[in-house]
Amino acid sequence: MKSSALKRSSKLKIYKSLIRPIVTCGCEAWTLTNRDEQYLRIFESRILRKFFGPVQNEDGFWRIRMNYELNDVIKYADIVRFV
């Protein structure tokens, strides 16, 4: 999934069709607390950062993607809203 040979749209389809349903399996019976929601969001951001990789600044330095950039990629359809 870290490969640059896969398109961004393909990676997003794989995430939405395979990974997210596996993580949320049985979510109908969950009682989500704020802490659980936080852990789900942390998990999702880590996975998406690994998929889409770092970003190069104008200075030429590499940095990780910020949360708002990841939200733009997934169109604000985070895992907690999915649950």
PDB file of N, CA and C in Angstrom:
ATOM      1  N   MET A   1       0.813  -1.190   0.000  1.00  0.00           N
ATOM      2  CA  MET A   1       0.000   0.000   0.000  1.00  0.00           C
ATOM      3  C   MET A   1       0.858   1.256   0.000  1.00  0.00           C
ATOM      4  N   LYS A   2       2.121   1.136   0.358  1.00  0.00           N
ATOM      5  CA  LYS A   2       3.002   2.300   0.342  1.00  0.00           C
ATOM      6  C   LYS A   2       3.508   2.604  -1.063  1.00  0.00           C
ATOM      7  N   SER A   3       3.282   1.700  -1.988  1.00  0.00           N
ATOM      8  CA  SER A   3       3.810   1.846  -3.334  1.00  0.00           C
ATOM      9  C   SER A   3       3.209   3.054  -4.038  1.00  0.00           C
ATOM     10  N   SER A   4       4.031   3.745  -4.775  1.00  0.00           N
ATOM     11  CA  SER A   4       3.544   4.873  -5.549  1.00  0.00           C
ATOM     12  C   SER A   4       2.970   4.419  -6.885  1.00  0.00           C
ATOM     13  N   ALA A   5       3.066   3.115  -7.177  1.00  0.00           N
ATOM     14  CA  ALA A   5       2.515   2.585  -8.420  1.00  0.00           C
ATOM     15  C   ALA A   5       0.986   2.538  -8.368  1.00  0.00           C
ATOM     16  N   LEU A   6       0.426   2.409  -7.160  1.00  0.00           N
ATOM     17  CA  LEU A   6      -1.025   2.430  -7.008  1.00  0.00           C
ATOM     18  C   LEU A   6      -1.518   3.866  -6.974  1.00  0.00           C
ATOM     19  N   LYS A   7      -2.626   4.116  -7.649  1.00  0.00           N
ATOM     20  CA  LYS A   7      -3.200   5.453  -7.635  1.00  0.00           C
ATOM     21  C   LYS A   7      -3.849   5.734  -6.295  1.00  0.00           C
ATOM     22  N   ARG A   8      -3.985   7.002  -5.996  1.00  0.00           N
ATOM     23  CA  ARG A   8      -4.618   7.432  -4.740  1.00  0.00           C
ATOM     24  C   ARG A   8      -6.054   6.928  -4.663  1.00  0.00           C
ATOM     25  N   SER A   9      -6.769   6.973  -5.778  1.00  0.00           N
ATOM     26  CA  SER A   9      -8.160   6.525  -5.775  1.00  0.00           C
ATOM     27  C   SER A   9      -8.257   5.026  -5.521  1.00  0.00           C
ATOM     28  N   SER A  10      -7.311   4.257  -6.028  1.00  0.00           N
ATOM     29  CA  SER A  10      -7.308   2.814  -5.783  1.00  0.00           C
ATOM     30  C   SER A  10      -7.034   2.497  -4.323  1.00  0.00           C
ATOM     31  N   LYS A  11      -6.102   3.212  -3.730  1.00  0.00           N
ATOM     32  CA  LYS A  11      -5.803   3.015  -2.321  1.00  0.00           C
ATOM     33  C   LYS A  11      -7.013   3.358  -1.462  1.00  0.00           C
ATOM     34  N   LEU A  12      -7.714   4.423  -1.821  1.00  0.00           N
ATOM     35  CA  LEU A  12      -8.888   4.835  -1.067  1.00  0.00           C
ATOM     36  C   LEU A  12     -10.014   3.814  -1.198  1.00  0.00           C
ATOM     37  N   LYS A  13     -10.180   3.237  -2.384  1.00  0.00           N
ATOM     38  CA  LYS A  13     -11.194   2.196  -2.579  1.00  0.00           C
ATOM     39  C   LYS A  13     -10.868   0.955  -1.769  1.00  0.00           C
ATOM     40  N   ILE A  14      -9.601   0.580  -1.712  1.00  0.00           N
ATOM     41  CA  ILE A  14      -9.190  -0.575  -0.917  1.00  0.00           C
ATOM     42  C   ILE A  14      -9.447  -0.317   0.559  1.00  0.00           C
ATOM     43  N   TYR A  15      -9.133   0.887   1.008  1.00  0.00           N
ATOM     44  CA  TYR A  15      -9.373   1.228   2.407  1.00  0.00           C
ATOM     45  C   TYR A  15     -10.861   1.155   2.733  1.00  0.00           C
ATOM     46  N   LYS A  16     -11.688   1.763   1.883  1.00  0.00           N
ATOM     47  CA  LYS A  16     -13.121   1.836   2.167  1.00  0.00           C
ATOM     48  C   LYS A  16     -13.825   0.495   1.995  1.00  0.00           C
ATOM     49  N   SER A  17     -13.323  -0.370   1.124  1.00  0.00           N
ATOM     50  CA  SER A  17     -14.016  -1.632   0.876  1.00  0.00           C
ATOM     51  C   SER A  17     -13.463  -2.808   1.674  1.00  0.00           C
ATOM     52  N   LEU A  18     -12.217  -2.745   2.131  1.00  0.00           N
ATOM     53  CA  LEU A  18     -11.632  -3.867   2.872  1.00  0.00           C
ATOM     54  C   LEU A  18     -11.310  -3.552   4.323  1.00  0.00           C
ATOM     55  N   ILE A  19     -10.544  -2.517   4.542  1.00  0.00           N
ATOM     56  CA  ILE A  19     -10.017  -2.261   5.889  1.00  0.00           C
ATOM     57  C   ILE A  19     -11.084  -1.712   6.816  1.00  0.00           C
ATOM     58  N   ARG A  20     -11.816  -0.697   6.368  1.00  0.00           N
ATOM     59  CA  ARG A  20     -12.820  -0.102   7.250  1.00  0.00           C
ATOM     60  C   ARG A  20     -13.906  -1.098   7.659  1.00  0.00           C
ATOM     61  N   PRO A  21     -14.452  -1.920   6.758  1.00  0.00           N
ATOM     62  CA  PRO A  21     -15.451  -2.902   7.206  1.00  0.00           C
ATOM     63  C   PRO A  21     -14.905  -3.946   8.179  1.00  0.00           C
ATOM     64  N   ILE A  22     -13.654  -4.327   8.020  1.00  0.00           N
ATOM     65  CA  ILE A  22     -13.067  -5.307   8.943  1.00  0.00           C
ATOM     66  C   ILE A  22     -12.935  -4.703  10.333  1.00  0.00           C
ATOM     67  N   VAL A  23     -12.502  -3.457  10.408  1.00  0.00           N
ATOM     68  CA  VAL A  23     -12.325  -2.796  11.700  1.00  0.00           C
ATOM     69  C   VAL A  23     -13.670  -2.572  12.382  1.00  0.00           C
ATOM     70  N   THR A  24     -14.689  -2.257  11.623  1.00  0.00           N
ATOM     71  CA  THR A  24     -15.988  -1.936  12.209  1.00  0.00           C
ATOM     72  C   THR A  24     -16.933  -3.128  12.265  1.00  0.00           C
ATOM     73  N   CYS A  25     -16.434  -4.307  12.070  1.00  0.00           N
ATOM     74  CA  CYS A  25     -17.267  -5.503  12.125  1.00  0.00           C
ATOM     75  C   CYS A  25     -17.896  -5.624  13.521  1.00  0.00           C
ATOM     76  N   GLY A  26     -19.198  -5.741  13.554  1.00  0.00           N
ATOM     77  CA  GLY A  26     -19.889  -5.860  14.822  1.00  0.00           C
ATOM     78  C   GLY A  26     -20.138  -4.544  15.515  1.00  0.00           C
ATOM     79  N   CYS A  27     -20.019  -3.443  14.797  1.00  0.00           N
ATOM     80  CA  CYS A  27     -20.148  -2.132  15.435  1.00  0.00           C
ATOM     81  C   CYS A  27     -21.581  -1.841  15.895  1.00  0.00           C
ATOM     82  N   GLU A  28     -22.555  -2.628  15.434  1.00  0.00           N
ATOM     83  CA  GLU A  28     -23.934  -2.406  15.869  1.00  0.00           C
ATOM     84  C   GLU A  28     -24.090  -2.657  17.366  1.00  0.00           C
ATOM     85  N   ALA A  29     -23.252  -3.506  17.917  1.00  0.00           N
ATOM     86  CA  ALA A  29     -23.353  -3.862  19.336  1.00  0.00           C
ATOM     87  C   ALA A  29     -22.412  -3.052  20.225  1.00  0.00           C
ATOM     88  N   TRP A  30     -21.627  -2.167  19.633  1.00  0.00           N
ATOM     89  CA  TRP A  30     -20.682  -1.389  20.419  1.00  0.00           C
ATOM     90  C   TRP A  30     -21.382  -0.273  21.173  1.00  0.00           C
ATOM     91  N   THR A  31     -20.849   0.051  22.326  1.00  0.00           N
ATOM     92  CA  THR A  31     -21.208   1.289  23.005  1.00  0.00           C
ATOM     93  C   THR A  31     -19.956   2.159  22.972  1.00  0.00           C
ATOM     94  N   LEU A  32     -19.937   3.082  22.037  1.00  0.00           N
ATOM     95  CA  LEU A  32     -18.744   3.901  21.824  1.00  0.00           C
ATOM     96  C   LEU A  32     -18.627   4.975  22.889  1.00  0.00           C
ATOM     97  N   THR A  33     -17.500   5.000  23.522  1.00  0.00           N
ATOM     98  CA  THR A  33     -17.177   6.082  24.435  1.00  0.00           C
ATOM     99  C   THR A  33     -16.299   7.085  23.687  1.00  0.00           C
ATOM    100  N   ASN A  34     -16.048   8.199  24.296  1.00  0.00           N
ATOM    101  CA  ASN A  34     -15.174   9.192  23.662  1.00  0.00           C
ATOM    102  C   ASN A  34     -13.774   8.637  23.443  1.00  0.00           C
ATOM    103  N   ARG A  35     -13.336   7.816  24.369  1.00  0.00           N
ATOM    104  CA  ARG A  35     -12.001   7.220  24.245  1.00  0.00           C
ATOM    105  C   ARG A  35     -11.949   6.255  23.062  1.00  0.00           C
ATOM    106  N   ASP A  36     -13.011   5.460  22.871  1.00  0.00           N
ATOM    107  CA  ASP A  36     -13.073   4.547  21.729  1.00  0.00           C
ATOM    108  C   ASP A  36     -13.079   5.309  20.409  1.00  0.00           C
ATOM    109  N   GLU A  37     -13.840   6.392  20.364  1.00  0.00           N
ATOM    110  CA  GLU A  37     -13.867   7.217  19.160  1.00  0.00           C
ATOM    111  C   GLU A  37     -12.481   7.781  18.860  1.00  0.00           C
ATOM    112  N   GLN A  38     -11.781   8.201  19.898  1.00  0.00           N
ATOM    113  CA  GLN A  38     -10.433   8.740  19.726  1.00  0.00           C
ATOM    114  C   GLN A  38      -9.498   7.666  19.180  1.00  0.00           C
ATOM    115  N   TYR A  39      -9.587   6.448  19.716  1.00  0.00           N
ATOM    116  CA  TYR A  39      -8.736   5.360  19.232  1.00  0.00           C
ATOM    117  C   TYR A  39      -9.041   5.005  17.781  1.00  0.00           C
ATOM    118  N   LEU A  40     -10.306   5.024  17.411  1.00  0.00           N
ATOM    119  CA  LEU A  40     -10.660   4.742  16.018  1.00  0.00           C
ATOM    120  C   LEU A  40     -10.109   5.805  15.078  1.00  0.00           C
ATOM    121  N   ARG A  41     -10.198   7.060  15.476  1.00  0.00           N
ATOM    122  CA  ARG A  41      -9.664   8.138  14.635  1.00  0.00           C
ATOM    123  C   ARG A  41      -8.141   8.064  14.531  1.00  0.00           C
ATOM    124  N   ILE A  42      -7.478   7.709  15.633  1.00  0.00           N
ATOM    125  CA  ILE A  42      -6.018   7.555  15.605  1.00  0.00           C
ATOM    126  C   ILE A  42      -5.630   6.420  14.671  1.00  0.00           C
ATOM    127  N   PHE A  43      -6.344   5.297  14.760  1.00  0.00           N
ATOM    128  CA  PHE A  43      -6.071   4.163  13.881  1.00  0.00           C
ATOM    129  C   PHE A  43      -6.228   4.571  12.421  1.00  0.00           C
ATOM    130  N   GLU A  44      -7.324   5.250  12.115  1.00  0.00           N
ATOM    131  CA  GLU A  44      -7.587   5.643  10.740  1.00  0.00           C
ATOM    132  C   GLU A  44      -6.516   6.595  10.212  1.00  0.00           C
ATOM    133  N   SER A  45      -6.121   7.567  11.013  1.00  0.00           N
ATOM    134  CA  SER A  45      -5.114   8.517  10.540  1.00  0.00           C
ATOM    135  C   SER A  45      -3.764   7.839  10.334  1.00  0.00           C
ATOM    136  N   ARG A  46      -3.418   6.883  11.185  1.00  0.00           N
ATOM    137  CA  ARG A  46      -2.150   6.155  10.995  1.00  0.00           C
ATOM    138  C   ARG A  46      -2.161   5.355   9.705  1.00  0.00           C
ATOM    139  N   ILE A  47      -3.268   4.678   9.451  1.00  0.00           N
ATOM    140  CA  ILE A  47      -3.372   3.884   8.224  1.00  0.00           C
ATOM    141  C   ILE A  47      -3.289   4.787   7.000  1.00  0.00           C
ATOM    142  N   LEU A  48      -4.028   5.876   6.999  1.00  0.00           N
ATOM    143  CA  LEU A  48      -4.029   6.777   5.846  1.00  0.00           C
ATOM    144  C   LEU A  48      -2.669   7.438   5.646  1.00  0.00           C
ATOM    145  N   ARG A  49      -1.975   7.752   6.729  1.00  0.00           N
ATOM    146  CA  ARG A  49      -0.631   8.334   6.584  1.00  0.00           C
ATOM    147  C   ARG A  49       0.327   7.333   5.955  1.00  0.00           C
ATOM    148  N   LYS A  50       0.186   6.064   6.296  1.00  0.00           N
ATOM    149  CA  LYS A  50       1.041   5.048   5.684  1.00  0.00           C
ATOM    150  C   LYS A  50       0.698   4.866   4.209  1.00  0.00           C
ATOM    151  N   PHE A  51      -0.581   4.909   3.880  1.00  0.00           N
ATOM    152  CA  PHE A  51      -1.009   4.739   2.494  1.00  0.00           C
ATOM    153  C   PHE A  51      -0.533   5.858   1.594  1.00  0.00           C
ATOM    154  N   PHE A  52      -0.715   7.090   2.041  1.00  0.00           N
ATOM    155  CA  PHE A  52      -0.475   8.236   1.173  1.00  0.00           C
ATOM    156  C   PHE A  52       0.891   8.865   1.340  1.00  0.00           C
ATOM    157  N   GLY A  53       1.631   8.491   2.359  1.00  0.00           N
ATOM    158  CA  GLY A  53       3.009   8.913   2.504  1.00  0.00           C
ATOM    159  C   GLY A  53       3.193  10.371   2.895  1.00  0.00           C
ATOM    160  N   PRO A  54       4.455  10.807   2.959  1.00  0.00           N
ATOM    161  CA  PRO A  54       4.760  12.178   3.394  1.00  0.00           C
ATOM    162  C   PRO A  54       4.541  13.203   2.273  1.00  0.00           C
ATOM    163  N   VAL A  55       4.610  14.455   2.651  1.00  0.00           N
ATOM    164  CA  VAL A  55       4.447  15.578   1.726  1.00  0.00           C
ATOM    165  C   VAL A  55       5.717  16.412   1.778  1.00  0.00           C
ATOM    166  N   GLN A  56       6.118  16.940   0.628  1.00  0.00           N
ATOM    167  CA  GLN A  56       7.303  17.784   0.590  1.00  0.00           C
ATOM    168  C   GLN A  56       6.887  19.248   0.679  1.00  0.00           C
ATOM    169  N   ASN A  57       7.506  19.973   1.617  1.00  0.00           N
ATOM    170  CA  ASN A  57       7.245  21.409   1.792  1.00  0.00           C
ATOM    171  C   ASN A  57       7.864  22.208   0.663  1.00  0.00           C
ATOM    172  N   GLU A  58       7.587  23.515   0.683  1.00  0.00           N
ATOM    173  CA  GLU A  58       8.214  24.417  -0.291  1.00  0.00           C
ATOM    174  C   GLU A  58       9.721  24.495  -0.070  1.00  0.00           C
ATOM    175  N   ASP A  59      10.142  24.262   1.197  1.00  0.00           N
ATOM    176  CA  ASP A  59      11.558  24.310   1.546  1.00  0.00           C
ATOM    177  C   ASP A  59      12.323  23.083   1.062  1.00  0.00           C
ATOM    178  N   GLY A  60      11.598  22.049   0.647  1.00  0.00           N
ATOM    179  CA  GLY A  60      12.241  20.816   0.222  1.00  0.00           C
ATOM    180  C   GLY A  60      12.302  19.764   1.311  1.00  0.00           C
ATOM    181  N   PHE A  61      11.808  20.094   2.500  1.00  0.00           N
ATOM    182  CA  PHE A  61      11.794  19.143   3.603  1.00  0.00           C
ATOM    183  C   PHE A  61      10.531  18.296   3.554  1.00  0.00           C
ATOM    184  N   TRP A  62      10.649  17.061   4.021  1.00  0.00           N
ATOM    185  CA  TRP A  62       9.507  16.146   4.048  1.00  0.00           C
ATOM    186  C   TRP A  62       8.844  16.204   5.411  1.00  0.00           C
ATOM    187  N   ARG A  63       7.517  16.082   5.433  1.00  0.00           N
ATOM    188  CA  ARG A  63       6.757  16.069   6.676  1.00  0.00           C
ATOM    189  C   ARG A  63       5.574  15.109   6.518  1.00  0.00           C
ATOM    190  N   ILE A  64       5.004  14.708   7.646  1.00  0.00           N
ATOM    191  CA  ILE A  64       3.831  13.841   7.579  1.00  0.00           C
ATOM    192  C   ILE A  64       2.611  14.680   7.232  1.00  0.00           C
ATOM    193  N   ARG A  65       1.596  14.024   6.731  1.00  0.00           N
ATOM    194  CA  ARG A  65       0.357  14.731   6.388  1.00  0.00           C
ATOM    195  C   ARG A  65      -0.388  15.109   7.658  1.00  0.00           C
ATOM    196  N   MET A  66      -0.958  16.286   7.637  1.00  0.00           N
ATOM    197  CA  MET A  66      -1.744  16.764   8.772  1.00  0.00           C
ATOM    198  C   MET A  66      -3.144  16.161   8.707  1.00  0.00           C
ATOM    199  N   ASN A  67      -3.858  16.209   9.833  1.00  0.00           N
ATOM    200  CA  ASN A  67      -5.198  15.633   9.894  1.00  0.00           C
ATOM    201  C   ASN A  67      -6.160  16.297   8.915  1.00  0.00           C
ATOM    202  N   TYR A  68      -6.057  17.597   8.741  1.00  0.00           N
ATOM    203  CA  TYR A  68      -6.972  18.265   7.817  1.00  0.00           C
ATOM    204  C   TYR A  68      -6.704  17.842   6.369  1.00  0.00           C
ATOM    205  N   GLU A  69      -5.446  17.506   6.041  1.00  0.00           N
ATOM    206  CA  GLU A  69      -5.141  17.006   4.698  1.00  0.00           C
ATOM    207  C   GLU A  69      -5.728  15.609   4.500  1.00  0.00           C
ATOM    208  N   LEU A  70      -5.663  14.791   5.540  1.00  0.00           N
ATOM    209  CA  LEU A  70      -6.266  13.453   5.449  1.00  0.00           C
ATOM    210  C   LEU A  70      -7.781  13.550   5.339  1.00  0.00           C
ATOM    211  N   ASN A  71      -8.387  14.496   6.046  1.00  0.00           N
ATOM    212  CA  ASN A  71      -9.839  14.688   5.946  1.00  0.00           C
ATOM    213  C   ASN A  71     -10.243  15.116   4.544  1.00  0.00           C
ATOM    214  N   ASP A  72      -9.417  15.913   3.888  1.00  0.00           N
ATOM    215  CA  ASP A  72      -9.699  16.295   2.508  1.00  0.00           C
ATOM    216  C   ASP A  72      -9.640  15.089   1.581  1.00  0.00           C
ATOM    217  N   VAL A  73      -8.732  14.175   1.854  1.00  0.00           N
ATOM    218  CA  VAL A  73      -8.585  12.982   1.014  1.00  0.00           C
ATOM    219  C   VAL A  73      -9.811  12.079   1.128  1.00  0.00           C
ATOM    220  N   ILE A  74     -10.296  11.883   2.354  1.00  0.00           N
ATOM    221  CA  ILE A  74     -11.434  10.977   2.543  1.00  0.00           C
ATOM    222  C   ILE A  74     -12.765  11.714   2.516  1.00  0.00           C
ATOM    223  N   LYS A  75     -12.753  12.986   2.192  1.00  0.00           N
ATOM    224  CA  LYS A  75     -13.966  13.805   2.062  1.00  0.00           C
ATOM    225  C   LYS A  75     -14.774  13.840   3.354  1.00  0.00           C
ATOM    226  N   TYR A  76     -14.099  13.949   4.478  1.00  0.00           N
ATOM    227  CA  TYR A  76     -14.713  14.076   5.809  1.00  0.00           C
ATOM    228  C   TYR A  76     -15.629  12.898   6.154  1.00  0.00           C
ATOM    229  N   ALA A  77     -15.382  11.725   5.587  1.00  0.00           N
ATOM    230  CA  ALA A  77     -16.157  10.514   5.908  1.00  0.00           C
ATOM    231  C   ALA A  77     -15.316   9.638   6.816  1.00  0.00           C
ATOM    232  N   ASP A  78     -15.052  10.117   8.010  1.00  0.00           N
ATOM    233  CA  ASP A  78     -14.171   9.378   8.909  1.00  0.00           C
ATOM    234  C   ASP A  78     -14.853   8.118   9.459  1.00  0.00           C
ATOM    235  N   ILE A  79     -14.079   7.305  10.120  1.00  0.00           N
ATOM    236  CA  ILE A  79     -14.528   5.993  10.567  1.00  0.00           C
ATOM    237  C   ILE A  79     -15.588   6.090  11.652  1.00  0.00           C
ATOM    238  N   VAL A  80     -15.544   7.122  12.475  1.00  0.00           N
ATOM    239  CA  VAL A  80     -16.538   7.278  13.533  1.00  0.00           C
ATOM    240  C   VAL A  80     -17.899   7.610  12.932  1.00  0.00           C
ATOM    241  N   ARG A  81     -17.927   8.422  11.908  1.00  0.00           N
ATOM    242  CA  ARG A  81     -19.195   8.704  11.213  1.00  0.00           C
ATOM    243  C   ARG A  81     -19.708   7.448  10.516  1.00  0.00           C
ATOM    244  N   PHE A  82     -18.809   6.625  10.027  1.00  0.00           N
ATOM    245  CA  PHE A  82     -19.199   5.364   9.388  1.00  0.00           C
ATOM    246  C   PHE A  82     -19.869   4.435  10.385  1.00  0.00           C
ATOM    247  N   VAL A  83     -19.347   4.395  11.614  1.00  0.00           N
ATOM    248  CA  VAL A  83     -19.927   3.550  12.657  1.00  0.00           C
ATOM    249  C   VAL A  83     -21.292   4.092  13.022  1.00  0.00           C
TER     250      VAL A  83
END
